[in-house]
Amino acid sequence: QVQLVESGGGLVQAGGSLRLSCAASGSIFSVNGMNWYRQAPGKQRELVATITTGGSTNYAESAKGRFTVSRDNAKNTVYLQMNSLRPEDTAVYYCNANVWAGAGFGSYWGQGTQVTVSS
């Protein structure tokens, strides 16, 4: 059984910063790509940032220059540093990881953490 637990969401004023964390735990052999998604009310879930095991990253256009994804492979943890936040960044943020575990290979999701940016 693999679990992803997110933390770090909250309420922040426009222009502020937040750092999200997501830790994977369970009978894990290895964690491959780790990703951050977000879903705003009434909108589809969208990919925000990705990071490979080797540290290669990709970002949505809306996140480039403001967000930074990183990971600690020893801790099976991925982070999302969000700076210069805007009201349109308000959403539930989810982490996603592709994991080799005791049950085989699978894609797992966290429960989500709310980020609210006030204007």
N, C-alpha and C. Protein backbone atom coordinates (compact mmCIF):
# COMPACT_ATOMS: atom_id res chain seq x y z
N GLN A 1 0.85 -1.19 0.00
CA GLN A 1 0.00 0.00 0.00
C GLN A 1 0.88 1.24 0.00
N VAL A 2 0.59 2.16 -0.89
CA VAL A 2 1.35 3.40 -1.01
C VAL A 2 0.44 4.56 -0.66
N GLN A 3 0.96 5.47 0.12
CA GLN A 3 0.22 6.69 0.46
C GLN A 3 1.04 7.91 0.10
N LEU A 4 0.35 8.93 -0.40
CA LEU A 4 0.96 10.24 -0.63
C LEU A 4 0.25 11.23 0.28
N VAL A 5 1.03 11.94 1.08
CA VAL A 5 0.45 12.89 2.03
C VAL A 5 1.02 14.27 1.74
N GLU A 6 0.11 15.21 1.41
CA GLU A 6 0.51 16.58 1.10
C GLU A 6 0.37 17.46 2.33
N SER A 7 1.15 18.53 2.33
CA SER A 7 1.04 19.54 3.38
C SER A 7 1.53 20.87 2.82
N GLY A 8 1.20 21.94 3.54
CA GLY A 8 1.74 23.25 3.18
C GLY A 8 0.76 24.21 2.54
N GLY A 9 -0.45 23.77 2.25
CA GLY A 9 -1.42 24.70 1.68
C GLY A 9 -1.89 25.72 2.70
N GLY A 10 -2.67 26.67 2.23
CA GLY A 10 -3.21 27.67 3.14
C GLY A 10 -3.69 28.90 2.40
N LEU A 11 -3.90 29.95 3.18
CA LEU A 11 -4.38 31.24 2.66
C LEU A 11 -3.21 32.22 2.64
N VAL A 12 -3.03 32.88 1.50
CA VAL A 12 -1.95 33.83 1.36
C VAL A 12 -2.42 34.99 0.50
N GLN A 13 -1.85 36.16 0.72
CA GLN A 13 -2.19 37.31 -0.10
C GLN A 13 -1.45 37.25 -1.44
N ALA A 14 -2.03 37.90 -2.42
CA ALA A 14 -1.39 37.97 -3.73
C ALA A 14 0.03 38.51 -3.58
N GLY A 15 0.95 37.89 -4.29
CA GLY A 15 2.36 38.25 -4.19
C GLY A 15 3.12 37.45 -3.17
N GLY A 16 2.42 36.70 -2.36
CA GLY A 16 3.07 35.90 -1.33
C GLY A 16 3.57 34.57 -1.84
N SER A 17 4.06 33.76 -0.90
CA SER A 17 4.66 32.47 -1.24
C SER A 17 4.11 31.37 -0.35
N LEU A 18 4.14 30.16 -0.91
CA LEU A 18 3.82 28.96 -0.16
C LEU A 18 4.72 27.84 -0.64
N ARG A 19 4.99 26.89 0.24
CA ARG A 19 5.76 25.71 -0.14
C ARG A 19 4.94 24.47 0.19
N LEU A 20 4.62 23.71 -0.83
CA LEU A 20 3.90 22.46 -0.65
C LEU A 20 4.88 21.30 -0.57
N SER A 21 4.52 20.31 0.22
CA SER A 21 5.31 19.09 0.33
C SER A 21 4.40 17.89 0.11
N CYS A 22 4.98 16.82 -0.39
CA CYS A 22 4.23 15.59 -0.59
C CYS A 22 5.18 14.42 -0.35
N ALA A 23 4.87 13.62 0.65
CA ALA A 23 5.72 12.49 1.00
C ALA A 23 5.03 11.18 0.67
N ALA A 24 5.76 10.31 -0.02
CA ALA A 24 5.25 8.99 -0.35
C ALA A 24 5.75 7.99 0.68
N SER A 25 4.86 7.11 1.11
CA SER A 25 5.25 6.11 2.10
C SER A 25 4.57 4.78 1.77
N GLY A 26 5.09 3.71 2.37
CA GLY A 26 4.54 2.39 2.13
C GLY A 26 5.63 1.44 1.68
N SER A 27 5.21 0.35 1.08
CA SER A 27 6.16 -0.67 0.62
C SER A 27 6.71 -0.27 -0.74
N ILE A 28 7.55 0.75 -0.74
CA ILE A 28 8.05 1.37 -1.97
C ILE A 28 9.42 0.82 -2.33
N PHE A 29 9.55 0.41 -3.59
CA PHE A 29 10.87 0.04 -4.09
C PHE A 29 11.56 1.26 -4.71
N SER A 30 10.82 1.99 -5.52
CA SER A 30 11.36 3.21 -6.12
C SER A 30 10.23 4.11 -6.58
N VAL A 31 10.53 5.39 -6.63
CA VAL A 31 9.56 6.39 -7.10
C VAL A 31 10.11 7.00 -8.37
N ASN A 32 9.35 6.92 -9.44
CA ASN A 32 9.78 7.50 -10.70
C ASN A 32 9.33 8.97 -10.77
N GLY A 33 8.64 9.36 -11.82
CA GLY A 33 8.22 10.74 -11.95
C GLY A 33 7.27 11.17 -10.84
N MET A 34 7.44 12.40 -10.40
CA MET A 34 6.54 12.99 -9.41
C MET A 34 5.99 14.28 -9.99
N ASN A 35 4.72 14.53 -9.76
CA ASN A 35 4.03 15.62 -10.44
C ASN A 35 3.14 16.39 -9.47
N TRP A 36 2.91 17.64 -9.80
CA TRP A 36 1.92 18.45 -9.10
C TRP A 36 0.83 18.84 -10.09
N TYR A 37 -0.40 18.65 -9.68
CA TYR A 37 -1.58 19.08 -10.44
C TYR A 37 -2.36 20.04 -9.57
N ARG A 38 -3.28 20.75 -10.20
CA ARG A 38 -4.21 21.58 -9.43
C ARG A 38 -5.57 21.58 -10.11
N GLN A 39 -6.59 21.82 -9.30
CA GLN A 39 -7.94 21.89 -9.82
C GLN A 39 -8.68 23.02 -9.14
N ALA A 40 -9.04 24.00 -9.94
CA ALA A 40 -9.82 25.13 -9.44
C ALA A 40 -11.31 24.81 -9.56
N PRO A 41 -12.14 25.47 -8.77
CA PRO A 41 -13.59 25.20 -8.83
C PRO A 41 -14.14 25.38 -10.24
N GLY A 42 -14.87 24.37 -10.70
CA GLY A 42 -15.49 24.44 -12.01
C GLY A 42 -14.55 24.20 -13.18
N LYS A 43 -13.30 23.85 -12.88
CA LYS A 43 -12.33 23.64 -13.95
C LYS A 43 -11.76 22.23 -13.89
N GLN A 44 -11.15 21.82 -15.00
CA GLN A 44 -10.52 20.51 -15.04
C GLN A 44 -9.18 20.54 -14.30
N ARG A 45 -8.78 19.37 -13.83
CA ARG A 45 -7.47 19.25 -13.20
C ARG A 45 -6.39 19.50 -14.25
N GLU A 46 -5.39 20.29 -13.88
CA GLU A 46 -4.34 20.61 -14.83
C GLU A 46 -2.97 20.32 -14.23
N LEU A 47 -2.04 19.94 -15.10
CA LEU A 47 -0.68 19.67 -14.67
C LEU A 47 0.06 20.98 -14.44
N VAL A 48 0.73 21.07 -13.30
CA VAL A 48 1.46 22.29 -12.95
C VAL A 48 2.96 22.11 -13.15
N ALA A 49 3.50 21.00 -12.64
CA ALA A 49 4.95 20.79 -12.71
C ALA A 49 5.26 19.31 -12.59
N THR A 50 6.35 18.91 -13.22
CA THR A 50 6.81 17.53 -13.15
C THR A 50 8.30 17.49 -12.85
N ILE A 51 8.73 16.40 -12.23
CA ILE A 51 10.16 16.21 -11.97
C ILE A 51 10.48 14.72 -12.05
N THR A 52 11.56 14.42 -12.77
CA THR A 52 11.97 13.03 -12.90
C THR A 52 12.88 12.64 -11.73
N THR A 53 13.21 11.36 -11.69
CA THR A 53 14.11 10.88 -10.65
C THR A 53 15.44 11.61 -10.72
N GLY A 54 15.88 11.92 -11.92
CA GLY A 54 17.15 12.59 -12.10
C GLY A 54 17.11 14.09 -11.91
N GLY A 55 15.91 14.64 -11.68
CA GLY A 55 15.79 16.06 -11.40
C GLY A 55 15.39 16.93 -12.58
N SER A 56 15.12 16.34 -13.72
CA SER A 56 14.64 17.14 -14.86
C SER A 56 13.22 17.61 -14.58
N THR A 57 12.96 18.86 -14.93
CA THR A 57 11.67 19.47 -14.59
C THR A 57 10.97 20.03 -15.82
N ASN A 58 9.66 20.12 -15.70
CA ASN A 58 8.83 20.80 -16.70
C ASN A 58 7.71 21.52 -15.97
N TYR A 59 7.29 22.64 -16.56
CA TYR A 59 6.28 23.47 -15.91
C TYR A 59 5.20 23.87 -16.91
N ALA A 60 4.00 24.06 -16.40
CA ALA A 60 2.96 24.70 -17.17
C ALA A 60 3.37 26.15 -17.41
N GLU A 61 2.88 26.71 -18.51
CA GLU A 61 3.24 28.10 -18.82
C GLU A 61 2.90 29.04 -17.67
N SER A 62 1.79 28.78 -17.01
CA SER A 62 1.34 29.65 -15.93
C SER A 62 2.25 29.59 -14.71
N ALA A 63 3.06 28.53 -14.62
CA ALA A 63 3.93 28.33 -13.45
C ALA A 63 5.38 28.75 -13.70
N LYS A 64 5.75 28.86 -14.95
CA LYS A 64 7.14 29.16 -15.29
C LYS A 64 7.58 30.50 -14.70
N GLY A 65 8.75 30.48 -14.07
CA GLY A 65 9.30 31.68 -13.48
C GLY A 65 8.80 32.00 -12.10
N ARG A 66 7.75 31.31 -11.65
CA ARG A 66 7.19 31.58 -10.32
C ARG A 66 7.25 30.36 -9.41
N PHE A 67 7.07 29.18 -9.99
CA PHE A 67 7.04 27.95 -9.20
C PHE A 67 8.32 27.15 -9.45
N THR A 68 8.76 26.44 -8.41
CA THR A 68 9.92 25.57 -8.53
C THR A 68 9.60 24.22 -7.90
N VAL A 69 9.74 23.16 -8.69
CA VAL A 69 9.53 21.81 -8.18
C VAL A 69 10.88 21.18 -7.86
N SER A 70 10.95 20.47 -6.76
CA SER A 70 12.18 19.79 -6.37
C SER A 70 11.80 18.50 -5.64
N ARG A 71 12.79 17.65 -5.41
CA ARG A 71 12.49 16.39 -4.72
C ARG A 71 13.69 15.94 -3.92
N ASP A 72 13.38 15.15 -2.90
CA ASP A 72 14.40 14.50 -2.08
C ASP A 72 14.17 13.00 -2.26
N ASN A 73 14.99 12.38 -3.07
CA ASN A 73 14.78 10.97 -3.38
C ASN A 73 14.94 10.08 -2.15
N ALA A 74 15.81 10.47 -1.24
CA ALA A 74 16.02 9.67 -0.04
C ALA A 74 14.78 9.65 0.84
N LYS A 75 13.98 10.70 0.75
CA LYS A 75 12.77 10.81 1.56
C LYS A 75 11.50 10.54 0.75
N ASN A 76 11.65 10.23 -0.55
CA ASN A 76 10.48 10.02 -1.41
C ASN A 76 9.51 11.19 -1.30
N THR A 77 10.07 12.39 -1.32
CA THR A 77 9.27 13.60 -1.11
C THR A 77 9.48 14.57 -2.26
N VAL A 78 8.39 15.20 -2.67
CA VAL A 78 8.44 16.23 -3.71
C VAL A 78 7.92 17.52 -3.11
N TYR A 79 8.49 18.62 -3.57
CA TYR A 79 8.13 19.95 -3.06
C TYR A 79 7.68 20.83 -4.23
N LEU A 80 6.87 21.83 -3.90
CA LEU A 80 6.52 22.85 -4.88
C LEU A 80 6.62 24.20 -4.18
N GLN A 81 7.65 24.94 -4.53
CA GLN A 81 7.81 26.30 -4.02
C GLN A 81 7.06 27.24 -4.95
N MET A 82 6.11 27.96 -4.40
CA MET A 82 5.28 28.86 -5.20
C MET A 82 5.49 30.29 -4.74
N ASN A 83 5.99 31.11 -5.62
CA ASN A 83 6.25 32.52 -5.34
C ASN A 83 5.36 33.40 -6.22
N SER A 84 5.28 34.66 -5.86
CA SER A 84 4.48 35.63 -6.63
C SER A 84 3.09 35.08 -6.92
N LEU A 85 2.45 34.57 -5.91
CA LEU A 85 1.16 33.93 -6.11
C LEU A 85 0.10 34.94 -6.54
N ARG A 86 -0.82 34.46 -7.35
CA ARG A 86 -1.91 35.27 -7.92
C ARG A 86 -3.25 34.66 -7.52
N PRO A 87 -4.30 35.44 -7.50
CA PRO A 87 -5.61 34.88 -7.17
C PRO A 87 -5.99 33.70 -8.08
N GLU A 88 -5.55 33.73 -9.31
CA GLU A 88 -5.88 32.63 -10.24
C GLU A 88 -5.12 31.35 -9.92
N ASP A 89 -4.19 31.39 -8.97
CA ASP A 89 -3.53 30.17 -8.52
C ASP A 89 -4.37 29.42 -7.48
N THR A 90 -5.45 30.02 -7.05
CA THR A 90 -6.32 29.38 -6.07
C THR A 90 -6.87 28.08 -6.62
N ALA A 91 -6.65 26.99 -5.89
CA ALA A 91 -7.06 25.67 -6.34
C ALA A 91 -6.72 24.65 -5.26
N VAL A 92 -7.22 23.45 -5.45
CA VAL A 92 -6.72 22.31 -4.66
C VAL A 92 -5.54 21.73 -5.43
N TYR A 93 -4.42 21.60 -4.74
CA TYR A 93 -3.20 21.08 -5.36
C TYR A 93 -3.02 19.62 -4.95
N TYR A 94 -2.75 18.79 -5.96
CA TYR A 94 -2.59 17.36 -5.75
C TYR A 94 -1.19 16.92 -6.20
N CYS A 95 -0.58 16.05 -5.43
CA CYS A 95 0.65 15.43 -5.94
C CYS A 95 0.30 14.06 -6.49
N ASN A 96 1.14 13.63 -7.42
CA ASN A 96 0.96 12.36 -8.12
C ASN A 96 2.34 11.76 -8.30
N ALA A 97 2.44 10.47 -8.09
CA ALA A 97 3.74 9.81 -8.23
C ALA A 97 3.57 8.45 -8.88
N ASN A 98 4.53 8.10 -9.72
CA ASN A 98 4.57 6.78 -10.35
C ASN A 98 5.55 5.93 -9.55
N VAL A 99 5.03 4.87 -8.96
CA VAL A 99 5.76 4.15 -7.91
C VAL A 99 5.85 2.67 -8.20
N TRP A 100 7.05 2.14 -8.00
CA TRP A 100 7.22 0.68 -7.96
C TRP A 100 7.10 0.30 -6.49
N ALA A 101 6.11 -0.53 -6.20
CA ALA A 101 5.86 -0.92 -4.81
C ALA A 101 5.63 -2.42 -4.75
N GLY A 102 5.30 -2.89 -3.55
CA GLY A 102 5.09 -4.32 -3.38
C GLY A 102 4.01 -4.89 -4.27
N ALA A 103 2.99 -4.06 -4.59
CA ALA A 103 1.87 -4.51 -5.42
C ALA A 103 2.14 -4.36 -6.90
N GLY A 104 3.32 -3.86 -7.26
CA GLY A 104 3.64 -3.62 -8.66
C GLY A 104 3.77 -2.14 -8.95
N PHE A 105 3.67 -1.79 -10.24
CA PHE A 105 3.84 -0.39 -10.64
C PHE A 105 2.48 0.28 -10.68
N GLY A 106 2.41 1.50 -10.14
CA GLY A 106 1.15 2.20 -10.16
C GLY A 106 1.33 3.69 -10.05
N SER A 107 0.26 4.41 -10.37
CA SER A 107 0.22 5.86 -10.24
C SER A 107 -0.67 6.20 -9.06
N TYR A 108 -0.12 6.96 -8.14
CA TYR A 108 -0.81 7.25 -6.89
C TYR A 108 -1.03 8.75 -6.73
N TRP A 109 -2.09 9.08 -6.00
CA TRP A 109 -2.48 10.47 -5.79
C TRP A 109 -2.58 10.79 -4.30
N GLY A 110 -2.22 12.03 -3.97
CA GLY A 110 -2.47 12.52 -2.63
C GLY A 110 -3.90 12.98 -2.48
N GLN A 111 -4.26 13.40 -1.29
CA GLN A 111 -5.63 13.78 -1.00
C GLN A 111 -5.92 15.23 -1.40
N GLY A 112 -4.89 15.98 -1.69
CA GLY A 112 -5.07 17.37 -2.09
C GLY A 112 -4.90 18.33 -0.92
N THR A 113 -4.39 19.50 -1.23
CA THR A 113 -4.25 20.56 -0.23
C THR A 113 -4.73 21.87 -0.85
N GLN A 114 -5.53 22.60 -0.10
CA GLN A 114 -6.14 23.83 -0.61
C GLN A 114 -5.15 24.99 -0.56
N VAL A 115 -5.04 25.68 -1.67
CA VAL A 115 -4.28 26.93 -1.74
C VAL A 115 -5.25 28.03 -2.13
N THR A 116 -5.33 29.05 -1.31
CA THR A 116 -6.21 30.18 -1.58
C THR A 116 -5.38 31.45 -1.57
N VAL A 117 -5.47 32.20 -2.67
CA VAL A 117 -4.72 33.44 -2.81
C VAL A 117 -5.72 34.59 -2.87
N SER A 118 -5.64 35.48 -1.91
CA SER A 118 -6.56 36.61 -1.85
C SER A 118 -5.97 37.81 -2.57
N SER A 119 -6.86 38.60 -3.14
CA SER A 119 -6.39 39.79 -3.89
C SER A 119 -6.29 41.00 -2.98
